[in-house]
Amino acid sequence: MKKVIIGITILCAFMNSVIAQNSEGRTIPSADVKTVEGKTVNTSKFANDGKPMIISFWATWCKPCKKELDAISENFEQWQKETGVKLIAISIDDSRSSGKVGTDAKSHGWDYEVYIDENQDFKRAMNVNNVPHAFIINGKGEIVWQHNSYAEGDEDLMYEALKKVAKGEKVSE
């Protein structure tokens, strides 16, 4: 059993490394998303004054998504102080469940920008197959790192990558 777990862990690390390398240099594609208040925003407008951003895809029905965003939330203030990072949470909930998004974010105390991608146009443009799926965007607006799924401690990997991005260093997993 340990060999299987080790094999899966190595495969996941390899795949995340391949994904990170394949996304390097890509910029945020243009798609319309909505604020929880219903205002339309184009994703090409996402910016953070030359500082890094995290774009995290999630859904109200996804327990690992909420665990990841909660784990980040616990240290987010420190992350902001050190790196200037902004986190943008993109819900992929459809019109039937999108009304829960704002309430969910508020009840968890997430101090993030929250948008809803009801038609999943942004999700498709970012090649997201399942959630949670997080991206780090450098100060130039380029996707430099991504991670799919969530296990306890993954937020630490994200933080390490984020610190490198904030310093202008190249990131790989």
C-alpha atoms as a PDB file:
ATOM      1  CA  MET A   1       0.000   0.000   0.000  1.00  0.00           C
ATOM      2  CA  LYS A   2       2.850   2.389   0.835  1.00  0.00           C
ATOM      3  CA  LYS A   3       4.369   1.794  -2.615  1.00  0.00           C
ATOM      4  CA  VAL A   4       1.069   2.715  -4.263  1.00  0.00           C
ATOM      5  CA  ILE A   5       0.797   5.912  -2.202  1.00  0.00           C
ATOM      6  CA  ILE A   6       4.405   6.843  -2.947  1.00  0.00           C
ATOM      7  CA  GLY A   7       3.841   6.143  -6.653  1.00  0.00           C
ATOM      8  CA  ILE A   8       0.720   8.276  -6.735  1.00  0.00           C
ATOM      9  CA  THR A   9       2.501  11.086  -4.867  1.00  0.00           C
ATOM     10  CA  ILE A  10       5.395  11.038  -7.339  1.00  0.00           C
ATOM     11  CA  LEU A  11       3.008  10.977 -10.292  1.00  0.00           C
ATOM     12  CA  CYS A  12       1.036  13.929  -8.886  1.00  0.00           C
ATOM     13  CA  ALA A  13       4.227  15.926  -8.293  1.00  0.00           C
ATOM     14  CA  PHE A  14       5.375  15.158 -11.841  1.00  0.00           C
ATOM     15  CA  MET A  15       2.014  16.130 -13.350  1.00  0.00           C
ATOM     16  CA  ASN A  16       1.902  19.368 -11.360  1.00  0.00           C
ATOM     17  CA  SER A  17       5.404  20.169 -12.582  1.00  0.00           C
ATOM     18  CA  VAL A  18       4.383  19.490 -16.186  1.00  0.00           C
ATOM     19  CA  ILE A  19       1.246  21.597 -15.745  1.00  0.00           C
ATOM     20  CA  ALA A  20       3.261  24.456 -14.224  1.00  0.00           C
ATOM     21  CA  GLN A  21       5.740  24.366 -17.090  1.00  0.00           C
ATOM     22  CA  ASN A  22       3.017  24.226 -19.762  1.00  0.00           C
ATOM     23  CA  SER A  23       1.207  27.243 -18.343  1.00  0.00           C
ATOM     24  CA  GLU A  24       4.296  29.433 -18.071  1.00  0.00           C
ATOM     25  CA  GLY A  25       4.054  32.720 -19.931  1.00  0.00           C
ATOM     26  CA  ARG A  26       0.340  32.408 -20.686  1.00  0.00           C
ATOM     27  CA  THR A  27      -1.724  35.406 -19.703  1.00  0.00           C
ATOM     28  CA  ILE A  28      -5.187  35.516 -18.195  1.00  0.00           C
ATOM     29  CA  PRO A  29      -7.713  34.958 -20.986  1.00  0.00           C
ATOM     30  CA  SER A  30     -10.650  37.267 -21.498  1.00  0.00           C
ATOM     31  CA  ALA A  31     -14.054  36.051 -20.260  1.00  0.00           C
ATOM     32  CA  ASP A  32     -16.991  37.636 -18.497  1.00  0.00           C
ATOM     33  CA  VAL A  33     -17.704  36.700 -14.886  1.00  0.00           C
ATOM     34  CA  LYS A  34     -20.064  38.265 -12.370  1.00  0.00           C
ATOM     35  CA  THR A  35     -19.600  39.707  -8.919  1.00  0.00           C
ATOM     36  CA  VAL A  36     -21.820  38.279  -6.182  1.00  0.00           C
ATOM     37  CA  GLU A  37     -23.904  41.437  -6.646  1.00  0.00           C
ATOM     38  CA  GLY A  38     -24.457  40.518 -10.324  1.00  0.00           C
ATOM     39  CA  LYS A  39     -22.149  43.072 -11.993  1.00  0.00           C
ATOM     40  CA  THR A  40     -20.322  41.757 -15.085  1.00  0.00           C
ATOM     41  CA  VAL A  41     -16.513  41.998 -15.030  1.00  0.00           C
ATOM     42  CA  ASN A  42     -14.096  40.923 -17.747  1.00  0.00           C
ATOM     43  CA  THR A  43     -11.240  38.769 -16.461  1.00  0.00           C
ATOM     44  CA  SER A  44      -8.746  40.626 -18.657  1.00  0.00           C
ATOM     45  CA  LYS A  45      -9.164  43.476 -16.150  1.00  0.00           C
ATOM     46  CA  PHE A  46      -7.817  41.393 -13.242  1.00  0.00           C
ATOM     47  CA  ALA A  47      -4.672  43.122 -11.997  1.00  0.00           C
ATOM     48  CA  ASN A  48      -2.748  43.811  -8.797  1.00  0.00           C
ATOM     49  CA  ASP A  49      -0.407  46.759  -9.482  1.00  0.00           C
ATOM     50  CA  GLY A  50       2.509  44.556 -10.539  1.00  0.00           C
ATOM     51  CA  LYS A  51       2.148  42.195  -7.583  1.00  0.00           C
ATOM     52  CA  PRO A  52       1.191  38.517  -7.768  1.00  0.00           C
ATOM     53  CA  MET A  53      -2.355  37.178  -7.781  1.00  0.00           C
ATOM     54  CA  ILE A  54      -3.877  33.824  -6.996  1.00  0.00           C
ATOM     55  CA  ILE A  55      -6.901  32.774  -9.016  1.00  0.00           C
ATOM     56  CA  SER A  56      -8.680  29.912  -7.294  1.00  0.00           C
ATOM     57  CA  PHE A  57     -11.537  28.032  -8.939  1.00  0.00           C
ATOM     58  CA  TRP A  58     -14.030  26.540  -6.484  1.00  0.00           C
ATOM     59  CA  ALA A  59     -17.693  25.628  -6.005  1.00  0.00           C
ATOM     60  CA  THR A  60     -20.144  25.738  -3.102  1.00  0.00           C
ATOM     61  CA  TRP A  61     -20.629  21.954  -3.325  1.00  0.00           C
ATOM     62  CA  CYS A  62     -16.860  21.205  -3.291  1.00  0.00           C
ATOM     63  CA  LYS A  63     -15.545  20.377   0.198  1.00  0.00           C
ATOM     64  CA  PRO A  64     -11.840  20.275  -0.840  1.00  0.00           C
ATOM     65  CA  CYS A  65     -12.287  23.721  -2.430  1.00  0.00           C
ATOM     66  CA  LYS A  66     -13.570  25.173   0.816  1.00  0.00           C
ATOM     67  CA  LYS A  67     -10.815  23.464   2.801  1.00  0.00           C
ATOM     68  CA  GLU A  68      -8.193  24.997   0.512  1.00  0.00           C
ATOM     69  CA  LEU A  69      -9.665  28.503   0.679  1.00  0.00           C
ATOM     70  CA  ASP A  70     -10.053  28.179   4.476  1.00  0.00           C
ATOM     71  CA  ALA A  71      -6.415  27.037   4.812  1.00  0.00           C
ATOM     72  CA  ILE A  72      -5.214  29.982   2.741  1.00  0.00           C
ATOM     73  CA  SER A  73      -7.432  32.336   4.733  1.00  0.00           C
ATOM     74  CA  GLU A  74      -5.691  31.377   7.984  1.00  0.00           C
ATOM     75  CA  ASN A  75      -2.406  32.875   6.736  1.00  0.00           C
ATOM     76  CA  PHE A  76      -3.603  35.229   4.015  1.00  0.00           C
ATOM     77  CA  GLU A  77      -2.882  38.418   5.940  1.00  0.00           C
ATOM     78  CA  GLN A  78       0.763  37.361   6.343  1.00  0.00           C
ATOM     79  CA  TRP A  79       0.934  36.361   2.664  1.00  0.00           C
ATOM     80  CA  GLN A  80      -0.338  39.810   1.696  1.00  0.00           C
ATOM     81  CA  LYS A  81       2.204  41.575   3.907  1.00  0.00           C
ATOM     82  CA  GLU A  82       5.097  39.546   2.493  1.00  0.00           C
ATOM     83  CA  THR A  83       4.128  39.399  -1.181  1.00  0.00           C
ATOM     84  CA  GLY A  84       1.326  41.896  -1.817  1.00  0.00           C
ATOM     85  CA  VAL A  85      -0.773  39.039  -3.219  1.00  0.00           C
ATOM     86  CA  LYS A  86      -4.439  39.358  -4.121  1.00  0.00           C
ATOM     87  CA  LEU A  87      -6.668  36.276  -4.220  1.00  0.00           C
ATOM     88  CA  ILE A  88      -9.523  36.039  -6.673  1.00  0.00           C
ATOM     89  CA  ALA A  89     -11.961  33.211  -5.963  1.00  0.00           C
ATOM     90  CA  ILE A  90     -13.908  32.098  -9.035  1.00  0.00           C
ATOM     91  CA  SER A  91     -16.993  30.024  -8.301  1.00  0.00           C
ATOM     92  CA  ILE A  92     -18.084  27.663 -11.073  1.00  0.00           C
ATOM     93  CA  ASP A  93     -21.568  27.283  -9.590  1.00  0.00           C
ATOM     94  CA  ASP A  94     -24.309  27.418 -12.222  1.00  0.00           C
ATOM     95  CA  SER A  95     -27.440  29.568 -12.039  1.00  0.00           C
ATOM     96  CA  ARG A  96     -29.204  27.055  -9.768  1.00  0.00           C
ATOM     97  CA  SER A  97     -26.631  27.331  -6.981  1.00  0.00           C
ATOM     98  CA  SER A  98     -24.851  30.644  -7.664  1.00  0.00           C
ATOM     99  CA  GLY A  99     -27.078  32.395  -5.113  1.00  0.00           C
ATOM    100  CA  LYS A 100     -25.185  30.529  -2.367  1.00  0.00           C
ATOM    101  CA  VAL A 101     -21.765  31.839  -3.405  1.00  0.00           C
ATOM    102  CA  GLY A 102     -21.790  35.179  -1.555  1.00  0.00           C
ATOM    103  CA  THR A 103     -23.297  33.649   1.575  1.00  0.00           C
ATOM    104  CA  ASP A 104     -20.745  30.836   1.545  1.00  0.00           C
ATOM    105  CA  ALA A 105     -17.796  33.199   1.130  1.00  0.00           C
ATOM    106  CA  LYS A 106     -19.072  35.478   3.882  1.00  0.00           C
ATOM    107  CA  SER A 107     -19.792  32.615   6.303  1.00  0.00           C
ATOM    108  CA  HIS A 108     -16.218  31.362   5.855  1.00  0.00           C
ATOM    109  CA  GLY A 109     -14.831  34.863   6.411  1.00  0.00           C
ATOM    110  CA  TRP A 110     -12.879  34.882   3.158  1.00  0.00           C
ATOM    111  CA  ASP A 111     -11.387  38.293   2.511  1.00  0.00           C
ATOM    112  CA  TYR A 112     -11.061  37.640  -1.211  1.00  0.00           C
ATOM    113  CA  GLU A 113     -12.559  39.052  -4.372  1.00  0.00           C
ATOM    114  CA  VAL A 114     -15.295  36.558  -5.287  1.00  0.00           C
ATOM    115  CA  TYR A 115     -16.721  36.129  -8.775  1.00  0.00           C
ATOM    116  CA  ILE A 116     -19.153  33.681 -10.344  1.00  0.00           C
ATOM    117  CA  ASP A 117     -18.474  31.938 -13.652  1.00  0.00           C
ATOM    118  CA  GLU A 118     -22.014  30.585 -14.196  1.00  0.00           C
ATOM    119  CA  ASN A 119     -21.485  29.625 -17.837  1.00  0.00           C
ATOM    120  CA  GLN A 120     -17.986  28.331 -17.070  1.00  0.00           C
ATOM    121  CA  ASP A 121     -16.476  30.342 -19.927  1.00  0.00           C
ATOM    122  CA  PHE A 122     -13.489  31.415 -17.808  1.00  0.00           C
ATOM    123  CA  LYS A 123     -13.082  27.873 -16.478  1.00  0.00           C
ATOM    124  CA  ARG A 124     -12.821  26.554 -20.048  1.00  0.00           C
ATOM    125  CA  ALA A 125     -10.506  29.369 -21.137  1.00  0.00           C
ATOM    126  CA  MET A 126      -8.150  28.519 -18.252  1.00  0.00           C
ATOM    127  CA  ASN A 127      -8.303  24.770 -19.068  1.00  0.00           C
ATOM    128  CA  VAL A 128      -9.721  23.886 -15.670  1.00  0.00           C
ATOM    129  CA  ASN A 129     -11.174  20.375 -15.681  1.00  0.00           C
ATOM    130  CA  ASN A 130     -12.111  20.057 -12.023  1.00  0.00           C
ATOM    131  CA  VAL A 131     -11.990  22.038  -8.805  1.00  0.00           C
ATOM    132  CA  PRO A 132     -10.212  23.091  -6.722  1.00  0.00           C
ATOM    133  CA  HIS A 133      -7.735  24.474  -9.216  1.00  0.00           C
ATOM    134  CA  ALA A 134      -5.464  27.385  -8.318  1.00  0.00           C
ATOM    135  CA  PHE A 135      -3.166  29.547 -10.437  1.00  0.00           C
ATOM    136  CA  ILE A 136      -0.458  32.021  -9.474  1.00  0.00           C
ATOM    137  CA  ILE A 137      -0.168  35.009 -11.773  1.00  0.00           C
ATOM    138  CA  ASN A 138       3.024  37.090 -11.676  1.00  0.00           C
ATOM    139  CA  GLY A 139       3.165  40.874 -11.657  1.00  0.00           C
ATOM    140  CA  LYS A 140       3.259  40.917 -15.477  1.00  0.00           C
ATOM    141  CA  GLY A 141      -0.073  39.082 -15.652  1.00  0.00           C
ATOM    142  CA  GLU A 142       1.475  35.763 -16.708  1.00  0.00           C
ATOM    143  CA  ILE A 143       0.354  32.393 -15.362  1.00  0.00           C
ATOM    144  CA  VAL A 144       3.484  30.952 -13.755  1.00  0.00           C
ATOM    145  CA  TRP A 145       2.178  28.152 -11.512  1.00  0.00           C
ATOM    146  CA  GLN A 146      -0.917  26.042 -11.069  1.00  0.00           C
ATOM    147  CA  HIS A 147      -2.134  23.272  -8.845  1.00  0.00           C
ATOM    148  CA  ASN A 148      -5.124  20.966  -9.146  1.00  0.00           C
ATOM    149  CA  SER A 149      -6.928  19.263  -6.224  1.00  0.00           C
ATOM    150  CA  TYR A 150      -6.271  19.840  -2.552  1.00  0.00           C
ATOM    151  CA  ALA A 151      -4.668  17.917   0.273  1.00  0.00           C
ATOM    152  CA  GLU A 152      -3.756  19.330   3.664  1.00  0.00           C
ATOM    153  CA  GLY A 153      -0.446  21.167   3.332  1.00  0.00           C
ATOM    154  CA  ASP A 154      -0.867  22.117  -0.346  1.00  0.00           C
ATOM    155  CA  GLU A 155      -1.301  25.724   0.767  1.00  0.00           C
ATOM    156  CA  ASP A 156       2.321  25.593   1.974  1.00  0.00           C
ATOM    157  CA  LEU A 157       3.469  24.611  -1.529  1.00  0.00           C
ATOM    158  CA  MET A 158       1.438  27.489  -2.923  1.00  0.00           C
ATOM    159  CA  TYR A 159       2.973  29.890  -0.419  1.00  0.00           C
ATOM    160  CA  GLU A 160       6.516  28.798  -1.312  1.00  0.00           C
ATOM    161  CA  ALA A 161       5.762  29.323  -5.012  1.00  0.00           C
ATOM    162  CA  LEU A 162       4.147  32.672  -4.247  1.00  0.00           C
ATOM    163  CA  LYS A 163       7.230  33.924  -2.368  1.00  0.00           C
ATOM    164  CA  LYS A 164       9.410  33.063  -5.370  1.00  0.00           C
ATOM    165  CA  VAL A 165       7.037  34.785  -7.777  1.00  0.00           C
ATOM    166  CA  ALA A 166       6.987  37.906  -5.585  1.00  0.00           C
ATOM    167  CA  LYS A 167      10.802  38.001  -5.756  1.00  0.00           C
ATOM    168  CA  GLY A 168      10.722  37.559  -9.539  1.00  0.00           C
ATOM    169  CA  GLU A 169      12.204  34.072  -9.347  1.00  0.00           C
ATOM    170  CA  LYS A 170      11.223  31.214 -11.629  1.00  0.00           C
ATOM    171  CA  VAL A 171       8.770  28.744 -10.111  1.00  0.00           C
ATOM    172  CA  SER A 172       8.502  24.999 -10.522  1.00  0.00           C
ATOM    173  CA  GLU A 173       7.072  22.287  -8.336  1.00  0.00           C
END
